[in-house]
C-alpha cells in the first residue's frame, strides 16, 4: 500500500518535471522514465500484458522517436557564428534611406 502511494507520487513528480523542463533532452528522458514507471504500475495492478505494451510502445518506441527528432533538431540548428554573420549582413542591408542618401552626396 505504501509502495503504491509512493509510486503514484513519484509518477506525478516526474510528469511535472517532464512537462516543465526547459531542456528538451531532460524532458524526453523523464518521459521515458515515466513510461517505465507506468509499466511498473500496470504490473502492480496485475496487468502484465498492458505493462509490456506500455514499456515497449510508451517508453521504447515513443522515446526512440523523440530522441531521434531531438537529434535532428539539434543537427539542423544554425551555428552561433553563422547566425551572427547572417545578422550582421541583415543589419548592413537595413540602413536608413537618409544614411544612403548622405553617403551618395560625399
N, C-alpha and C. Protein backbone atom coordinates (compact mmCIF):
# COMPACT_ATOMS: atom_id res chain seq x y z
N UNK A 1 0.83 -1.20 0.00
CA UNK A 1 0.00 0.00 0.00
C UNK A 1 0.87 1.26 0.00
N UNK A 2 1.85 1.30 0.90
CA UNK A 2 2.73 2.47 0.98
C UNK A 2 3.55 2.59 -0.30
N UNK A 3 4.00 1.45 -0.82
CA UNK A 3 4.78 1.46 -2.06
C UNK A 3 3.95 2.01 -3.22
N UNK A 4 2.66 1.64 -3.26
CA UNK A 4 1.80 2.11 -4.34
C UNK A 4 1.58 3.62 -4.26
N UNK A 5 1.38 4.13 -3.07
CA UNK A 5 1.21 5.58 -2.89
C UNK A 5 2.50 6.31 -3.26
N UNK A 6 3.62 5.78 -2.81
CA UNK A 6 4.91 6.38 -3.15
C UNK A 6 5.16 6.36 -4.65
N UNK A 7 4.80 5.25 -5.29
CA UNK A 7 4.95 5.13 -6.74
C UNK A 7 4.07 6.15 -7.47
N UNK A 8 2.85 6.33 -6.99
CA UNK A 8 1.96 7.33 -7.58
C UNK A 8 2.50 8.74 -7.43
N UNK A 9 3.05 9.05 -6.27
CA UNK A 9 3.63 10.38 -6.06
C UNK A 9 4.85 10.60 -6.95
N UNK A 10 5.67 9.58 -7.09
CA UNK A 10 6.84 9.68 -7.96
C UNK A 10 6.41 9.90 -9.40
N UNK A 11 5.35 9.21 -9.83
CA UNK A 11 4.82 9.41 -11.18
C UNK A 11 4.39 10.86 -11.40
N UNK A 12 3.70 11.42 -10.42
CA UNK A 12 3.22 12.80 -10.55
C UNK A 12 4.40 13.77 -10.61
N UNK A 13 5.40 13.56 -9.76
CA UNK A 13 6.56 14.45 -9.74
C UNK A 13 7.33 14.37 -11.05
N UNK A 14 7.56 13.16 -11.55
CA UNK A 14 8.30 13.01 -12.81
C UNK A 14 7.51 13.62 -13.97
N UNK A 15 6.20 13.42 -13.97
CA UNK A 15 5.37 14.01 -15.03
C UNK A 15 5.46 15.53 -14.98
N UNK A 16 5.43 16.11 -13.79
CA UNK A 16 5.52 17.57 -13.67
C UNK A 16 6.88 18.08 -14.17
N UNK A 17 7.94 17.41 -13.79
CA UNK A 17 9.27 17.83 -14.26
C UNK A 17 9.43 17.65 -15.76
N UNK A 18 8.84 16.60 -16.31
CA UNK A 18 8.92 16.38 -17.76
C UNK A 18 8.19 17.48 -18.52
N UNK A 19 7.07 17.92 -18.00
CA UNK A 19 6.29 18.98 -18.66
C UNK A 19 6.97 20.34 -18.51
N UNK A 20 7.51 20.61 -17.34
CA UNK A 20 8.03 21.95 -17.07
C UNK A 20 9.53 22.12 -17.34
N UNK A 21 10.19 21.10 -17.83
CA UNK A 21 11.63 21.18 -18.06
C UNK A 21 11.95 22.04 -19.28
N UNK A 22 12.84 23.03 -19.15
CA UNK A 22 13.23 23.82 -20.32
C UNK A 22 14.20 23.07 -21.24
N UNK A 23 14.87 22.06 -20.71
CA UNK A 23 15.81 21.26 -21.50
C UNK A 23 15.05 20.12 -22.16
N UNK A 24 15.06 20.07 -23.49
CA UNK A 24 14.28 19.07 -24.21
C UNK A 24 14.80 17.66 -23.99
N UNK A 25 16.11 17.49 -23.92
CA UNK A 25 16.66 16.15 -23.70
C UNK A 25 16.25 15.62 -22.33
N UNK A 26 16.30 16.46 -21.32
CA UNK A 26 15.86 16.04 -19.99
C UNK A 26 14.38 15.68 -19.99
N UNK A 27 13.58 16.45 -20.71
CA UNK A 27 12.15 16.16 -20.80
C UNK A 27 11.89 14.81 -21.45
N UNK A 28 12.65 14.48 -22.49
CA UNK A 28 12.48 13.18 -23.16
C UNK A 28 12.91 12.05 -22.24
N UNK A 29 14.02 12.22 -21.54
CA UNK A 29 14.49 11.18 -20.62
C UNK A 29 13.47 10.97 -19.49
N UNK A 30 12.91 12.06 -18.99
CA UNK A 30 11.90 11.94 -17.94
C UNK A 30 10.63 11.28 -18.48
N UNK A 31 10.30 11.55 -19.74
CA UNK A 31 9.14 10.90 -20.36
C UNK A 31 9.35 9.39 -20.45
N UNK A 32 10.55 8.98 -20.81
CA UNK A 32 10.85 7.55 -20.88
C UNK A 32 10.77 6.92 -19.49
N UNK A 33 11.31 7.61 -18.49
CA UNK A 33 11.24 7.10 -17.11
C UNK A 33 9.79 7.02 -16.65
N UNK A 34 8.99 7.99 -17.05
CA UNK A 34 7.57 7.98 -16.69
C UNK A 34 6.86 6.76 -17.28
N UNK A 35 7.17 6.45 -18.53
CA UNK A 35 6.58 5.27 -19.16
C UNK A 35 6.99 3.97 -18.47
N UNK A 36 8.25 3.90 -18.07
CA UNK A 36 8.71 2.69 -17.38
C UNK A 36 8.05 2.55 -16.01
N UNK A 37 7.89 3.66 -15.32
CA UNK A 37 7.19 3.60 -14.03
C UNK A 37 5.71 3.27 -14.21
N UNK A 38 5.12 3.76 -15.30
CA UNK A 38 3.72 3.41 -15.58
C UNK A 38 3.60 1.91 -15.86
N UNK A 39 4.60 1.35 -16.52
CA UNK A 39 4.61 -0.10 -16.74
C UNK A 39 4.69 -0.84 -15.41
N UNK A 40 5.46 -0.29 -14.48
CA UNK A 40 5.53 -0.90 -13.15
C UNK A 40 4.17 -0.83 -12.44
N UNK A 41 3.47 0.28 -12.61
CA UNK A 41 2.14 0.42 -12.03
C UNK A 41 1.19 -0.63 -12.61
N UNK A 42 1.24 -0.81 -13.92
CA UNK A 42 0.38 -1.81 -14.55
C UNK A 42 0.72 -3.21 -14.04
N UNK A 43 2.00 -3.48 -13.82
CA UNK A 43 2.39 -4.78 -13.28
C UNK A 43 1.85 -4.96 -11.87
N UNK A 44 1.93 -3.93 -11.06
CA UNK A 44 1.40 -3.99 -9.69
C UNK A 44 -0.10 -4.18 -9.68
N UNK A 45 -0.79 -3.70 -10.72
CA UNK A 45 -2.24 -3.85 -10.80
C UNK A 45 -2.66 -5.20 -11.38
N UNK A 46 -1.69 -6.02 -11.75
CA UNK A 46 -1.99 -7.36 -12.24
C UNK A 46 -2.29 -7.41 -13.72
N UNK A 47 -1.74 -6.49 -14.49
CA UNK A 47 -1.95 -6.48 -15.94
C UNK A 47 -0.59 -6.51 -16.65
N UNK A 48 0.05 -7.67 -16.67
CA UNK A 48 1.39 -7.72 -17.27
C UNK A 48 1.39 -7.48 -18.77
N UNK A 49 0.30 -7.82 -19.45
CA UNK A 49 0.24 -7.57 -20.89
C UNK A 49 0.21 -6.08 -21.20
N UNK A 50 -0.54 -5.32 -20.42
CA UNK A 50 -0.59 -3.87 -20.59
C UNK A 50 0.75 -3.26 -20.20
N UNK A 51 1.38 -3.81 -19.17
CA UNK A 51 2.69 -3.32 -18.74
C UNK A 51 3.74 -3.52 -19.83
N UNK A 52 3.69 -4.67 -20.49
CA UNK A 52 4.65 -4.92 -21.59
C UNK A 52 4.40 -3.96 -22.74
N UNK A 53 3.14 -3.72 -23.07
CA UNK A 53 2.82 -2.79 -24.16
C UNK A 53 3.24 -1.37 -23.79
N UNK A 54 3.03 -0.98 -22.55
CA UNK A 54 3.43 0.36 -22.09
C UNK A 54 4.95 0.52 -22.16
N UNK A 55 5.67 -0.49 -21.74
CA UNK A 55 7.12 -0.41 -21.77
C UNK A 55 7.64 -0.40 -23.20
N UNK A 56 7.05 -1.22 -24.06
CA UNK A 56 7.55 -1.32 -25.44
C UNK A 56 7.17 -0.11 -26.27
N UNK A 57 5.90 0.26 -26.23
CA UNK A 57 5.43 1.36 -27.08
C UNK A 57 5.57 2.70 -26.38
N UNK A 58 5.07 2.78 -25.15
CA UNK A 58 5.07 4.06 -24.43
C UNK A 58 6.45 4.59 -24.12
N UNK A 59 7.34 3.72 -23.71
CA UNK A 59 8.70 4.17 -23.39
C UNK A 59 9.67 3.91 -24.52
N UNK A 60 9.67 2.69 -25.03
CA UNK A 60 10.68 2.30 -26.02
C UNK A 60 10.53 2.99 -27.35
N UNK A 61 9.44 2.74 -28.04
CA UNK A 61 9.26 3.27 -29.39
C UNK A 61 9.10 4.79 -29.39
N UNK A 62 8.22 5.28 -28.54
CA UNK A 62 7.99 6.73 -28.50
C UNK A 62 9.24 7.46 -28.03
N UNK A 63 9.93 6.92 -27.04
CA UNK A 63 11.17 7.53 -26.57
C UNK A 63 12.23 7.58 -27.65
N UNK A 64 12.35 6.50 -28.42
CA UNK A 64 13.33 6.48 -29.51
C UNK A 64 12.98 7.50 -30.58
N UNK A 65 11.70 7.62 -30.90
CA UNK A 65 11.28 8.62 -31.89
C UNK A 65 11.54 10.04 -31.40
N UNK A 66 11.28 10.30 -30.13
CA UNK A 66 11.52 11.64 -29.59
C UNK A 66 13.01 11.97 -29.56
N UNK A 67 13.84 11.02 -29.19
CA UNK A 67 15.29 11.26 -29.19
C UNK A 67 15.80 11.48 -30.61
N UNK A 68 15.28 10.71 -31.56
CA UNK A 68 15.67 10.90 -32.96
C UNK A 68 15.27 12.28 -33.46
N UNK A 69 14.06 12.69 -33.13
CA UNK A 69 13.60 14.03 -33.53
C UNK A 69 14.45 15.11 -32.89
N UNK A 70 14.79 14.93 -31.63
CA UNK A 70 15.63 15.91 -30.94
C UNK A 70 17.01 16.00 -31.57
N UNK A 71 17.57 14.88 -31.98
CA UNK A 71 18.89 14.93 -32.61
C UNK A 71 18.83 15.63 -33.97
N UNK A 72 17.74 15.44 -34.71
CA UNK A 72 17.58 16.14 -35.99
C UNK A 72 17.41 17.64 -35.77
N UNK A 73 16.70 18.02 -34.73
CA UNK A 73 16.52 19.44 -34.43
C UNK A 73 17.85 20.09 -34.08
N UNK A 74 18.66 19.41 -33.28
CA UNK A 74 19.95 19.98 -32.88
C UNK A 74 20.94 20.01 -34.04
N UNK A 75 20.86 19.03 -34.93
CA UNK A 75 21.77 18.98 -36.07
C UNK A 75 21.47 20.09 -37.07
N UNK A 76 20.21 20.43 -37.24
CA UNK A 76 19.82 21.42 -38.23
C UNK A 76 19.79 22.84 -37.69
N UNK A 77 20.14 23.03 -36.43
CA UNK A 77 20.17 24.37 -35.85
C UNK A 77 21.40 25.11 -36.35
N UNK A 78 21.25 26.39 -36.76
CA UNK A 78 22.42 27.12 -37.25
C UNK A 78 23.42 27.37 -36.12
N UNK A 79 24.68 27.35 -36.48
CA UNK A 79 25.74 27.59 -35.51
C UNK A 79 25.75 29.07 -35.14
N UNK A 80 26.20 29.40 -33.93
CA UNK A 80 26.18 30.80 -33.49
C UNK A 80 26.99 31.73 -34.40
N UNK A 81 28.12 31.25 -34.93
CA UNK A 81 28.93 32.11 -35.80
C UNK A 81 28.18 32.42 -37.09
N UNK A 82 27.55 31.40 -37.65
CA UNK A 82 26.80 31.60 -38.89
C UNK A 82 25.63 32.54 -38.63
N UNK A 83 24.97 32.36 -37.50
CA UNK A 83 23.84 33.23 -37.17
C UNK A 83 24.30 34.66 -36.96
N UNK A 84 25.48 34.86 -36.34
CA UNK A 84 26.00 36.21 -36.13
C UNK A 84 26.34 36.87 -37.47
N UNK A 85 26.95 36.12 -38.39
CA UNK A 85 27.26 36.67 -39.72
C UNK A 85 25.98 37.01 -40.47
N UNK A 86 24.98 36.16 -40.36
CA UNK A 86 23.71 36.42 -41.03
C UNK A 86 23.05 37.69 -40.47
N UNK A 87 23.11 37.84 -39.15
CA UNK A 87 22.52 39.03 -38.53
C UNK A 87 23.29 40.28 -38.93
N UNK A 88 24.61 40.20 -39.02
CA UNK A 88 25.42 41.35 -39.43
C UNK A 88 25.10 41.74 -40.87
N UNK A 89 24.95 40.76 -41.74
CA UNK A 89 24.61 41.05 -43.14
C UNK A 89 23.23 41.69 -43.24
N UNK A 90 22.29 41.24 -42.42
CA UNK A 90 20.96 41.85 -42.44
C UNK A 90 21.01 43.27 -41.92
N UNK A 91 21.82 43.50 -40.89
CA UNK A 91 21.94 44.86 -40.35
C UNK A 91 22.55 45.81 -41.37
N UNK A 92 23.52 45.33 -42.15
CA UNK A 92 24.16 46.18 -43.15
C UNK A 92 23.20 46.52 -44.28
N UNK A 93 22.31 45.62 -44.63
CA UNK A 93 21.37 45.90 -45.72
C UNK A 93 20.18 46.71 -45.25
N UNK A 94 19.98 46.82 -43.96
CA UNK A 94 18.85 47.58 -43.43
C UNK A 94 19.27 48.99 -43.01
N UNK A 95 19.94 49.69 -43.83
CA UNK A 95 20.32 51.06 -43.48
C UNK A 95 19.15 51.99 -43.78
N UNK A 96 19.10 53.05 -43.08
CA UNK A 96 18.05 54.05 -43.28
C UNK A 96 18.23 54.73 -44.64
N UNK A 97 17.15 55.12 -45.29
CA UNK A 97 17.27 55.81 -46.59
C UNK A 97 18.06 57.11 -46.48
N UNK A 98 17.93 57.82 -45.37
CA UNK A 98 18.68 59.07 -45.22
C UNK A 98 20.18 58.79 -45.15
N UNK A 99 20.58 57.69 -44.54
CA UNK A 99 22.00 57.35 -44.48
C UNK A 99 22.53 57.01 -45.87
N UNK A 100 21.74 56.34 -46.68
CA UNK A 100 22.17 56.01 -48.04
C UNK A 100 22.31 57.28 -48.87
N UNK A 101 21.38 58.22 -48.73
CA UNK A 101 21.46 59.46 -49.50
C UNK A 101 22.67 60.28 -49.07
N UNK A 102 22.97 60.31 -47.77
CA UNK A 102 24.12 61.06 -47.29
C UNK A 102 25.42 60.47 -47.82
N UNK A 103 25.50 59.17 -47.94
CA UNK A 103 26.74 58.56 -48.44
C UNK A 103 26.90 58.82 -49.93
N UNK A 104 25.84 59.01 -50.66
CA UNK A 104 25.93 59.31 -52.09
C UNK A 104 26.38 60.75 -52.33
N UNK A 105 26.11 61.65 -51.43
CA UNK A 105 26.48 63.05 -51.60
C UNK A 105 27.98 63.22 -51.47
N UNK A 106 28.61 62.52 -50.57
CA UNK A 106 30.04 62.67 -50.32
C UNK A 106 30.82 61.99 -51.35
